[in-house]
């Protein structure tokens, strides 16, 4: 899901001053902005819904806006779009030239590359220098090159796990009941004995969780780094390949299909879209990790709401894509880009504001177990179920390491994630940014096919695997995949020559 750089919080003079942290001159944006905040403005921020069933938005925005109004003379409204319509909605907004201020973007969702090519995002260099000192102080310096196009910074990369460990997660009671050696699992194929036992003896339980937009644990190929959808870089031999042509990729999806046929995966898995809600239901024996690996299973236990155990499935390399798995951009149509940058900077400098946007409102969505909002690092308890009614992942907002210690992520878990970033292995193409413009039509066609085929592949719900997979490969070729591959190879060769 989502995570420890100290920073003073800020104070808003509100009717409830006890619950807002003290301001400091270092982080007060009005000290940086001078008279530029005299006119009141409304700011809009688009992002997909982190969870489907979000509530309490009005209350959360009201609490956040106490600080934003005091510090910036502005008001924030979050435009939370259903996941199913997210991509299409942002394309329509962009095509219409609709004014808005801030937007969530990644290498794969509302893609940075695509938006930069069509001029949808504003260059941020001058805004960062003038209004973004908290951001500049906290962003990993390596990450800037992942969002720099032709010498211009086009987005703010979030603090996020750059090399998040993948894990197989098991319901602890089922593992203990059947004496399964879960630590022996090294691949998705190794799950079969346990899944078979669950299928045979637990009629009210589904052995393996997979959804339309959530792969089962063990599918990811950690030694391949995505360049553009369907095209990857092999960390082993340095080649550029079509991922559907990688034998292990095909073998993993074939295994998923076999599991589906044997009843290990829900028959309606391909129409399920909320992986977290399914995982929290407690009716699955095996799930994927909840955003990171903890040897004692504490992270998944906290996220899913019941005792779990985990075993490591692998570490991806740190890549341009992993450094842009969450980022914020300012729209080229923004009428108030300066104030938008001030807002982002405020979030990167004010832990109370950050954690309010992420966790919600004290007493409604969480309670303090120790410390208070005035403390730098309190410990909180998310109200039971609140993560399914109000939750924005901290890395979607930016400063993940400023997350309060909680039953979502302990400080120890956050520190482990940060240490893994600091010590992670860099991809052989770290810093390489693929320019999709020469093949944008082909990418659009390939992406449309992927949108249709992904739910079927990830759940194994096709009738004949060999026929489906072979036809899918050909459909990709017909859509222009070979042209995309050739363009990726050409750009990679040029980049490698320049950086050798």
Protein backbone atom coordinates (compact mmCIF):
# COMPACT_ATOMS: atom_id res chain seq x y z
CA UNK A 1 0.00 0.00 0.00
CA UNK A 2 2.34 2.49 0.79
CA UNK A 3 5.87 5.09 5.10
CA UNK A 4 11.54 9.01 8.17
CA UNK A 5 12.64 12.41 7.64
CA UNK A 6 11.96 14.78 10.51
CA UNK A 7 10.23 18.04 9.77
CA UNK A 8 8.48 20.63 11.84
CA UNK A 9 4.73 20.84 11.39
CA UNK A 10 2.68 23.96 10.87
CA UNK A 11 -0.08 25.61 12.80
CA UNK A 12 -3.39 26.82 11.52
CA UNK A 13 -5.43 29.13 13.71
CA UNK A 14 -8.63 27.16 13.85
CA UNK A 15 -11.48 26.55 16.23
CA UNK A 16 -9.61 23.42 17.36
CA UNK A 17 -6.00 24.57 17.81
CA UNK A 18 -5.15 21.64 20.08
CA UNK A 19 -5.31 19.28 17.11
CA UNK A 20 -3.11 21.25 14.73
CA UNK A 21 0.67 21.31 14.93
CA UNK A 22 2.84 24.32 15.56
CA UNK A 23 4.12 26.38 12.64
CA UNK A 24 7.77 27.14 11.98
CA UNK A 25 9.29 29.90 9.90
CA UNK A 26 11.29 27.31 7.97
CA UNK A 27 8.21 25.70 6.44
CA UNK A 28 5.73 28.58 6.41
CA UNK A 29 4.96 29.05 2.72
CA UNK A 30 3.77 32.59 3.15
CA UNK A 31 7.32 33.51 4.16
CA UNK A 32 8.44 32.24 0.74
CA UNK A 33 5.51 33.59 -1.23
CA UNK A 34 5.51 37.19 -0.05
CA UNK A 35 2.36 38.90 -1.28
CA UNK A 36 1.56 36.18 -3.81
CA UNK A 37 -1.11 34.63 -1.60
CA UNK A 38 -3.24 37.74 -1.16
CA UNK A 39 -5.94 36.54 -3.56
CA UNK A 40 -7.96 33.53 -2.41
CA UNK A 41 -7.88 30.65 -4.92
CA UNK A 42 -9.40 27.19 -5.23
CA UNK A 43 -7.11 24.34 -6.23
CA UNK A 44 -8.16 21.04 -7.81
CA UNK A 45 -6.23 17.77 -7.62
CA UNK A 46 -7.15 14.78 -9.77
CA UNK A 47 -6.29 11.23 -8.75
CA UNK A 48 -7.84 7.79 -9.07
CA UNK A 49 -9.62 6.44 -6.03
CA UNK A 50 -7.06 4.52 -3.98
CA UNK A 51 -9.99 2.40 -2.78
CA UNK A 52 -13.41 2.04 -4.35
CA UNK A 53 -15.68 2.78 -1.38
CA UNK A 54 -14.33 6.15 -0.21
CA UNK A 55 -16.36 8.23 2.24
CA UNK A 56 -15.76 11.21 4.53
CA UNK A 57 -14.23 13.37 1.79
CA UNK A 58 -16.07 16.50 2.90
CA UNK A 59 -14.86 16.13 6.50
CA UNK A 60 -11.28 15.38 5.49
CA UNK A 61 -11.10 18.30 3.07
CA UNK A 62 -12.56 20.63 5.71
CA UNK A 63 -9.84 19.66 8.19
CA UNK A 64 -7.06 19.92 5.61
CA UNK A 65 -8.35 23.25 4.36
CA UNK A 66 -8.04 24.79 7.83
CA UNK A 67 -4.28 24.62 7.32
CA UNK A 68 -4.27 25.34 3.60
CA UNK A 69 -6.48 28.43 4.02
CA UNK A 70 -4.34 29.76 6.87
CA UNK A 71 -1.00 29.14 5.20
CA UNK A 72 -1.79 29.69 1.51
CA UNK A 73 -5.14 31.51 1.37
CA UNK A 74 -6.34 28.64 -0.79
CA UNK A 75 -8.77 25.75 -0.72
CA UNK A 76 -8.16 22.24 -2.02
CA UNK A 77 -10.70 19.97 -3.63
CA UNK A 78 -9.78 16.38 -4.48
CA UNK A 79 -11.34 14.99 -7.64
CA UNK A 80 -11.31 11.25 -6.96
CA UNK A 81 -12.11 9.25 -10.09
CA UNK A 82 -13.27 5.63 -10.17
CA UNK A 83 -10.45 3.39 -11.34
CA UNK A 84 -12.45 1.97 -14.22
CA UNK A 85 -12.83 5.40 -15.80
CA UNK A 86 -9.62 7.06 -14.62
CA UNK A 87 -7.55 6.87 -17.81
CA UNK A 88 -10.39 7.86 -20.12
CA UNK A 89 -11.43 10.73 -17.84
CA UNK A 90 -7.95 12.27 -17.82
CA UNK A 91 -7.64 11.92 -21.59
CA UNK A 92 -10.93 13.76 -22.04
CA UNK A 93 -9.93 16.51 -19.63
CA UNK A 94 -6.61 16.94 -21.40
CA UNK A 95 -8.16 16.95 -24.88
CA UNK A 96 -10.70 19.56 -23.81
CA UNK A 97 -8.06 21.79 -22.25
CA UNK A 98 -10.05 21.85 -19.01
CA UNK A 99 -8.37 23.95 -16.31
CA UNK A 100 -7.17 22.06 -13.24
CA UNK A 101 -4.11 22.30 -11.02
CA UNK A 102 -2.50 19.06 -9.82
CA UNK A 103 -2.73 15.48 -11.05
CA UNK A 104 -1.50 12.05 -10.05
CA UNK A 105 0.75 10.50 -12.69
CA UNK A 106 3.05 7.50 -13.03
CA UNK A 107 4.98 5.62 -15.69
CA UNK A 108 1.88 3.48 -16.28
CA UNK A 109 -1.18 5.36 -14.98
CA UNK A 110 -2.04 8.70 -16.61
CA UNK A 111 1.44 8.26 -18.04
CA UNK A 112 4.01 10.97 -17.52
CA UNK A 113 5.56 10.27 -20.91
CA UNK A 114 2.30 10.63 -22.83
CA UNK A 115 1.32 13.82 -21.02
CA UNK A 116 4.72 15.42 -21.56
CA UNK A 117 4.60 14.63 -25.28
CA UNK A 118 1.22 16.34 -25.69
CA UNK A 119 2.14 19.34 -23.54
CA UNK A 120 -0.31 18.60 -20.74
CA UNK A 121 2.16 19.20 -17.90
CA UNK A 122 3.99 22.35 -16.86
CA UNK A 123 7.81 22.41 -16.48
CA UNK A 124 8.53 22.73 -12.76
CA UNK A 125 12.16 23.87 -12.48
CA UNK A 126 11.49 27.53 -11.67
CA UNK A 127 8.49 26.76 -9.48
CA UNK A 128 10.51 24.24 -7.47
CA UNK A 129 13.37 26.66 -7.02
CA UNK A 130 11.07 29.45 -5.83
CA UNK A 131 8.37 27.59 -3.90
CA UNK A 132 9.51 23.97 -3.49
CA UNK A 133 12.35 23.94 -0.98
CA UNK A 134 10.77 21.24 1.21
CA UNK A 135 10.37 19.07 -1.87
CA UNK A 136 13.93 19.64 -3.08
CA UNK A 137 15.26 18.76 0.37
CA UNK A 138 13.44 15.42 0.54
CA UNK A 139 13.19 13.92 -2.95
CA UNK A 140 15.87 11.30 -3.61
CA UNK A 141 18.33 13.09 -5.95
CA UNK A 142 18.48 10.00 -8.18
CA UNK A 143 14.76 10.28 -8.91
CA UNK A 144 14.88 13.63 -10.67
CA UNK A 145 16.36 12.16 -13.84
CA UNK A 146 13.35 9.84 -14.06
CA UNK A 147 11.05 12.86 -14.52
CA UNK A 148 13.35 15.10 -16.57
CA UNK A 149 12.54 15.54 -20.26
CA UNK A 150 14.83 17.56 -22.51
CA UNK A 151 16.38 19.14 -19.45
CA UNK A 152 13.08 20.10 -17.80
CA UNK A 153 11.56 18.60 -14.65
CA UNK A 154 7.98 17.64 -15.51
CA UNK A 155 6.73 16.00 -12.30
CA UNK A 156 7.60 15.53 -8.63
CA UNK A 157 8.56 11.92 -7.89
CA UNK A 158 7.16 10.69 -4.59
CA UNK A 159 9.03 8.96 -1.84
CA UNK A 160 8.04 5.39 -2.55
CA UNK A 161 9.63 1.94 -2.42
CA UNK A 162 11.87 1.86 -5.50
CA UNK A 163 12.60 -1.82 -5.10
CA UNK A 164 9.65 -3.18 -3.13
CA UNK A 165 10.08 -6.78 -2.12
CA UNK A 166 7.35 -9.04 -3.43
CA UNK A 167 5.92 -11.74 -1.21
CA UNK A 168 3.49 -14.62 -1.08
CA UNK A 169 1.07 -14.03 1.81
CA UNK A 170 -0.73 -16.90 3.55
CA UNK A 171 -3.54 -17.00 6.09
CA UNK A 172 -1.69 -18.08 9.19
CA UNK A 173 -4.45 -20.32 10.53
CA UNK A 174 -4.57 -22.31 7.28
CA UNK A 175 -0.78 -22.74 7.19
CA UNK A 176 -0.80 -24.01 10.77
CA UNK A 177 -3.83 -26.24 10.24
CA UNK A 178 -2.24 -28.10 7.33
CA UNK A 179 1.39 -27.84 8.42
CA UNK A 180 2.42 -26.25 5.13
CA UNK A 181 6.08 -25.22 4.80
CA UNK A 182 5.31 -21.82 3.32
CA UNK A 183 8.96 -20.77 3.43
CA UNK A 184 9.73 -23.40 0.80
CA UNK A 185 7.69 -21.49 -1.81
CA UNK A 186 10.02 -19.92 -4.38
CA UNK A 187 7.66 -19.67 -7.36
CA UNK A 188 3.97 -19.63 -8.15
CA UNK A 189 4.23 -23.27 -9.18
CA UNK A 190 5.32 -24.18 -5.62
CA UNK A 191 1.91 -23.08 -4.31
CA UNK A 192 0.06 -26.02 -5.86
CA UNK A 193 0.17 -28.53 -2.94
CA UNK A 194 -1.23 -25.97 -0.51
CA UNK A 195 -3.88 -24.72 -2.94
CA UNK A 196 -5.00 -28.29 -3.62
CA UNK A 197 -5.35 -28.97 0.10
CA UNK A 198 -7.43 -25.85 0.62
CA UNK A 199 -9.65 -26.69 -2.36
CA UNK A 200 -10.26 -30.20 -1.06
CA UNK A 201 -10.83 -29.43 2.61
CA UNK A 202 -12.07 -25.83 2.90
CA UNK A 203 -15.27 -25.46 0.84
CA UNK A 204 -15.93 -21.94 2.12
CA UNK A 205 -12.48 -20.68 1.15
CA UNK A 206 -10.98 -19.71 -2.21
CA UNK A 207 -7.37 -20.94 -2.45
CA UNK A 208 -5.77 -18.08 -4.44
CA UNK A 209 -6.67 -14.40 -4.86
CA UNK A 210 -6.49 -12.87 -8.32
CA UNK A 211 -8.59 -10.02 -9.71
CA UNK A 212 -9.06 -8.15 -12.98
CA UNK A 213 -6.45 -5.59 -12.00
CA UNK A 214 -4.51 -7.51 -9.38
CA UNK A 215 -2.19 -10.34 -10.29
CA UNK A 216 -1.69 -13.34 -8.06
CA UNK A 217 1.51 -13.53 -6.06
CA UNK A 218 4.49 -14.91 -7.96
CA UNK A 219 3.61 -13.64 -11.46
CA UNK A 220 6.10 -10.76 -11.57
CA UNK A 221 9.38 -11.31 -13.43
CA UNK A 222 11.81 -9.39 -11.26
CA UNK A 223 14.71 -9.60 -13.70
CA UNK A 224 12.78 -7.73 -16.40
CA UNK A 225 12.22 -3.97 -16.27
CA UNK A 226 9.33 -2.39 -18.18
CA UNK A 227 10.25 0.24 -20.78
CA UNK A 228 6.79 0.77 -22.22
CA UNK A 229 3.74 -1.50 -22.01
CA UNK A 230 4.65 -4.83 -23.58
CA UNK A 231 8.36 -4.04 -23.97
CA UNK A 232 10.92 -4.83 -21.27
CA UNK A 233 14.65 -4.80 -20.61
CA UNK A 234 16.35 -8.02 -19.49
CA UNK A 235 18.61 -7.30 -16.53
CA UNK A 236 20.37 -10.60 -17.19
CA UNK A 237 21.58 -10.10 -20.76
CA UNK A 238 20.78 -6.45 -21.53
CA UNK A 239 18.36 -7.22 -24.35
CA UNK A 240 15.11 -5.44 -25.22
CA UNK A 241 12.26 -7.94 -25.55
CA UNK A 242 8.53 -8.33 -25.98
CA UNK A 243 7.42 -9.53 -22.56
CA UNK A 244 4.85 -11.92 -24.02
CA UNK A 245 7.71 -13.72 -25.77
CA UNK A 246 9.60 -14.43 -22.53
CA UNK A 247 9.16 -18.17 -21.81
CA UNK A 248 8.87 -17.76 -18.02
CA UNK A 249 6.17 -15.14 -18.46
CA UNK A 250 4.13 -17.54 -20.56
CA UNK A 251 4.76 -20.36 -18.10
CA UNK A 252 3.52 -18.28 -15.17
CA UNK A 253 0.30 -17.32 -16.94
CA UNK A 254 -0.19 -20.91 -18.01
CA UNK A 255 0.07 -21.93 -14.36
CA UNK A 256 -2.56 -19.34 -13.45
CA UNK A 257 -4.85 -20.80 -16.11
CA UNK A 258 -4.33 -24.30 -14.72
CA UNK A 259 -5.12 -23.02 -11.23
CA UNK A 260 -8.29 -21.42 -12.57
CA UNK A 261 -9.37 -24.66 -14.22
CA UNK A 262 -8.79 -26.56 -10.98
CA UNK A 263 -10.98 -24.14 -9.05
CA UNK A 264 -8.17 -22.48 -7.10
CA UNK A 265 -9.25 -19.05 -8.40
CA UNK A 266 -12.76 -17.60 -8.16
CA UNK A 267 -14.85 -18.15 -11.29
CA UNK A 268 -15.83 -14.48 -11.34
CA UNK A 269 -12.30 -13.19 -10.61
CA UNK A 270 -12.10 -11.37 -13.97
CA UNK A 271 -14.87 -8.97 -12.96
CA UNK A 272 -13.55 -8.24 -9.46
CA UNK A 273 -11.70 -4.91 -9.38
CA UNK A 274 -11.01 -4.15 -5.70
CA UNK A 275 -8.08 -6.37 -4.71
CA UNK A 276 -7.81 -4.91 -1.20
CA UNK A 277 -11.47 -5.45 -0.40
CA UNK A 278 -11.22 -9.05 -1.58
CA UNK A 279 -8.08 -9.66 0.47
CA UNK A 280 -9.66 -8.18 3.59
CA UNK A 281 -12.67 -10.47 3.25
CA UNK A 282 -10.63 -13.29 4.77
CA UNK A 283 -11.94 -15.86 2.31
CA UNK A 284 -8.66 -16.40 0.44
CA UNK A 285 -5.82 -18.65 1.61
CA UNK A 286 -3.04 -17.10 -0.50
CA UNK A 287 -2.64 -13.46 -1.52
CA UNK A 288 0.12 -11.23 -2.78
CA UNK A 289 2.00 -8.83 -0.54
CA UNK A 290 0.28 -5.68 0.67
CA UNK A 291 2.92 -3.31 -0.66
CA UNK A 292 6.07 -4.68 0.91
CA UNK A 293 7.53 -7.73 2.60
CA UNK A 294 7.87 -8.21 6.35
CA UNK A 295 9.43 -11.43 7.56
CA UNK A 296 7.00 -11.72 10.46
CA UNK A 297 3.97 -10.96 8.30
CA UNK A 298 3.15 -7.85 10.33
CA UNK A 299 2.51 -5.58 7.34
CA UNK A 300 0.01 -7.86 5.63
CA UNK A 301 -1.55 -8.72 8.99
CA UNK A 302 -2.17 -5.02 9.63
CA UNK A 303 -3.41 -4.32 6.12
CA UNK A 304 -5.63 -7.35 5.61
CA UNK A 305 -6.96 -7.50 9.16
CA UNK A 306 -6.16 -11.08 10.15
CA UNK A 307 -2.97 -13.02 11.06
CA UNK A 308 -0.76 -13.78 8.07
CA UNK A 309 2.68 -15.16 7.31
CA UNK A 310 4.81 -14.22 4.31
CA UNK A 311 7.64 -15.56 2.23
CA UNK A 312 9.81 -13.48 -0.08
CA UNK A 313 9.21 -13.84 -3.82
CA UNK A 314 11.80 -11.35 -5.08
CA UNK A 315 13.21 -7.85 -5.40
CA UNK A 316 12.90 -5.79 -8.58
CA UNK A 317 15.72 -3.48 -9.59
CA UNK A 318 15.51 0.28 -9.12
CA UNK A 319 14.46 1.66 -12.48
CA UNK A 320 13.16 4.81 -14.10
CA UNK A 321 9.69 3.29 -13.86
CA UNK A 322 9.96 2.31 -10.20
CA UNK A 323 11.05 5.86 -9.38
CA UNK A 324 7.90 7.11 -11.09
CA UNK A 325 5.41 4.66 -9.62
CA UNK A 326 3.83 7.69 -7.95
CA UNK A 327 4.30 11.34 -8.86
CA UNK A 328 2.51 14.69 -8.94
CA UNK A 329 2.39 17.06 -11.89
CA UNK A 330 1.00 20.56 -12.37
CA UNK A 331 -1.32 20.99 -15.33
CA UNK A 332 -0.36 23.28 -18.19
CA UNK A 333 -3.94 24.59 -17.88
CA UNK A 334 -3.57 25.57 -14.22
CA UNK A 335 -4.57 29.17 -13.55
CA UNK A 336 -2.57 29.14 -10.31
CA UNK A 337 0.60 27.07 -10.81
CA UNK A 338 2.49 29.02 -8.15
CA UNK A 339 -0.13 28.26 -5.51
CA UNK A 340 -0.28 24.64 -6.68
CA UNK A 341 3.45 24.30 -6.07
CA UNK A 342 3.08 26.00 -2.69
CA UNK A 343 0.44 23.43 -1.76
CA UNK A 344 2.64 20.50 -2.75
CA UNK A 345 5.53 22.05 -0.84
CA UNK A 346 3.29 22.50 2.20
CA UNK A 347 2.36 18.81 2.11
CA UNK A 348 6.06 17.91 1.93
CA UNK A 349 6.74 20.13 4.94
CA UNK A 350 3.73 19.64 7.22
CA UNK A 351 3.26 16.17 8.65
CA UNK A 352 -0.15 16.96 10.08
CA UNK A 353 -1.51 18.05 6.72
CA UNK A 354 0.01 15.05 4.97
CA UNK A 355 -1.37 12.57 7.48
CA UNK A 356 -4.78 14.27 7.52
CA UNK A 357 -5.08 13.85 3.76
CA UNK A 358 -3.89 10.25 4.01
CA UNK A 359 -5.51 8.97 7.22
CA UNK A 360 -8.50 11.27 7.57
CA UNK A 361 -9.83 13.05 10.66
CA UNK A 362 -8.88 12.25 14.25
CA UNK A 363 -11.71 10.54 16.12
CA UNK A 364 -13.50 9.73 12.88
CA UNK A 365 -10.90 7.81 10.90
CA UNK A 366 -8.11 7.30 13.44
CA UNK A 367 -7.13 7.79 17.09
CA UNK A 368 -3.80 8.57 18.74
CA UNK A 369 -2.30 5.64 20.64
CA UNK A 370 0.61 7.74 21.85
CA UNK A 371 1.66 11.33 21.30
CA UNK A 372 -0.39 14.05 19.65
CA UNK A 373 -0.51 16.00 16.40
CA UNK A 374 2.00 18.42 17.89
CA UNK A 375 4.58 15.64 18.22
CA UNK A 376 6.91 14.83 15.38
CA UNK A 377 6.24 11.08 15.42
CA UNK A 378 3.06 10.01 17.20
CA UNK A 379 1.57 6.54 16.90
CA UNK A 380 -1.98 6.22 15.63
CA UNK A 381 -4.56 3.50 15.12
CA UNK A 382 -6.67 3.66 11.97
CA UNK A 383 -10.29 3.11 12.93
CA UNK A 384 -11.45 -0.37 12.00
CA UNK A 385 -12.67 -0.25 8.42
CA UNK A 386 -11.52 3.32 7.81
CA UNK A 387 -8.94 2.15 5.31
CA UNK A 388 -11.92 1.15 3.19
CA UNK A 389 -13.75 4.46 3.62
CA UNK A 390 -10.95 7.02 3.64
CA UNK A 391 -7.40 6.32 2.53
CA UNK A 392 -4.96 8.02 0.22
CA UNK A 393 -1.63 6.29 0.08
CA UNK A 394 1.09 8.59 1.38
CA UNK A 395 3.29 8.07 -1.66
CA UNK A 396 0.43 9.31 -3.85
CA UNK A 397 0.66 12.56 -1.93
CA UNK A 398 4.46 12.68 -1.94
CA UNK A 399 6.45 12.35 1.30
CA UNK A 400 6.00 8.70 2.24
CA UNK A 401 8.68 8.72 4.93
CA UNK A 402 6.69 11.35 6.87
CA UNK A 403 3.84 8.91 7.47
CA UNK A 404 2.94 8.58 11.14
CA UNK A 405 3.66 5.28 12.86
CA UNK A 406 0.45 3.29 12.56
CA UNK A 407 -1.24 -0.04 12.09
CA UNK A 408 -0.93 0.60 8.34
CA UNK A 409 2.85 0.85 8.47
CA UNK A 410 5.06 0.87 11.52
CA UNK A 411 8.02 3.23 11.67
CA UNK A 412 10.22 0.13 11.51
CA UNK A 413 8.55 -0.93 8.26
CA UNK A 414 9.02 2.53 6.79
CA UNK A 415 12.67 2.58 7.79
CA UNK A 416 13.17 -0.83 6.20
CA UNK A 417 11.62 0.40 2.95
CA UNK A 418 13.83 3.48 2.93
CA UNK A 419 16.93 1.40 3.66
CA UNK A 420 15.99 -0.92 0.82
CA UNK A 421 15.83 2.11 -1.49
CA UNK A 422 19.22 3.30 -0.31
CA UNK A 423 20.79 -0.12 -0.82
CA UNK A 424 18.78 -1.41 -3.80
CA UNK A 425 20.34 -2.57 -7.05
CA UNK A 426 19.99 -0.08 -9.89
CA UNK A 427 18.61 -1.25 -13.23
CA UNK A 428 20.86 -1.25 -16.24
CA UNK A 429 18.51 1.34 -17.78
CA UNK A 430 18.09 3.65 -14.80
CA UNK A 431 17.72 7.13 -16.29
CA UNK A 432 16.54 5.93 -19.69
CA UNK A 433 13.23 7.56 -20.63
CA UNK A 434 11.47 6.16 -23.66
CA UNK A 435 10.03 8.79 -26.01
CA UNK A 436 6.71 7.32 -27.12
CA UNK A 437 5.92 10.05 -29.65
CA UNK A 438 7.26 8.20 -32.76
CA UNK A 439 5.04 5.20 -32.00
CA UNK A 440 2.16 6.80 -30.11
CA UNK A 441 -0.49 5.33 -32.42
CA UNK A 442 0.93 1.83 -32.04
CA UNK A 443 1.14 2.23 -28.27
CA UNK A 444 -2.49 3.33 -28.17
CA UNK A 445 -3.53 0.22 -30.08
CA UNK A 446 -1.39 -2.07 -27.92
CA UNK A 447 -2.71 -0.45 -24.74
CA UNK A 448 -6.30 -1.04 -25.85
CA UNK A 449 -5.57 -4.73 -26.34
CA UNK A 450 -3.84 -4.92 -22.96
CA UNK A 451 -6.81 -3.30 -21.25
CA UNK A 452 -9.02 -6.02 -22.68
CA UNK A 453 -6.65 -8.96 -22.12
CA UNK A 454 -5.20 -8.20 -18.69
CA UNK A 455 -8.24 -9.37 -16.65
CA UNK A 456 -8.22 -12.65 -18.58
CA UNK A 457 -4.47 -13.23 -18.26
CA UNK A 458 -4.24 -12.34 -14.58
CA UNK A 459 -7.12 -14.63 -13.63
CA UNK A 460 -6.44 -17.43 -16.12
CA UNK A 461 -10.06 -17.35 -17.23
CA UNK A 462 -9.60 -18.08 -20.94
CA UNK A 463 -11.02 -21.32 -22.36
CA UNK A 464 -7.92 -22.53 -24.23
CA UNK A 465 -4.65 -21.06 -22.94
CA UNK A 466 -2.37 -21.94 -25.87
CA UNK A 467 -4.82 -20.61 -28.42
CA UNK A 468 -5.52 -17.43 -26.46
CA UNK A 469 -1.85 -16.66 -25.76
CA UNK A 470 -0.74 -17.30 -29.35
CA UNK A 471 -3.56 -15.17 -30.74
CA UNK A 472 -2.74 -12.42 -28.23
CA UNK A 473 0.88 -12.36 -29.37
CA UNK A 474 -0.26 -12.02 -32.98
CA UNK A 475 -2.78 -9.31 -32.13
CA UNK A 476 0.03 -7.36 -30.50
CA UNK A 477 2.18 -7.73 -33.61
CA UNK A 478 -0.72 -6.61 -35.80
CA UNK A 479 -1.20 -3.58 -33.54
CA UNK A 480 2.41 -2.51 -34.07
CA UNK A 481 4.37 -4.16 -31.27
CA UNK A 482 7.35 -4.91 -33.51
CA UNK A 483 7.55 -1.25 -34.50
CA UNK A 484 7.50 -0.26 -30.82
CA UNK A 485 10.24 -2.81 -30.10
CA UNK A 486 12.42 -1.43 -32.90
CA UNK A 487 11.93 2.14 -31.68
CA UNK A 488 12.75 1.15 -28.10
CA UNK A 489 15.91 -0.62 -29.27
CA UNK A 490 16.93 2.40 -31.35
CA UNK A 491 16.47 4.83 -28.46
CA UNK A 492 18.16 2.49 -26.00
CA UNK A 493 21.20 2.08 -28.25
CA UNK A 494 21.52 5.87 -28.58
CA UNK A 495 21.12 6.38 -24.84
CA UNK A 496 23.66 3.66 -24.06
CA UNK A 497 26.19 5.21 -26.45
CA UNK A 498 25.76 8.60 -24.79
CA UNK A 499 26.10 7.19 -21.28
CA UNK A 500 28.79 4.56 -21.73
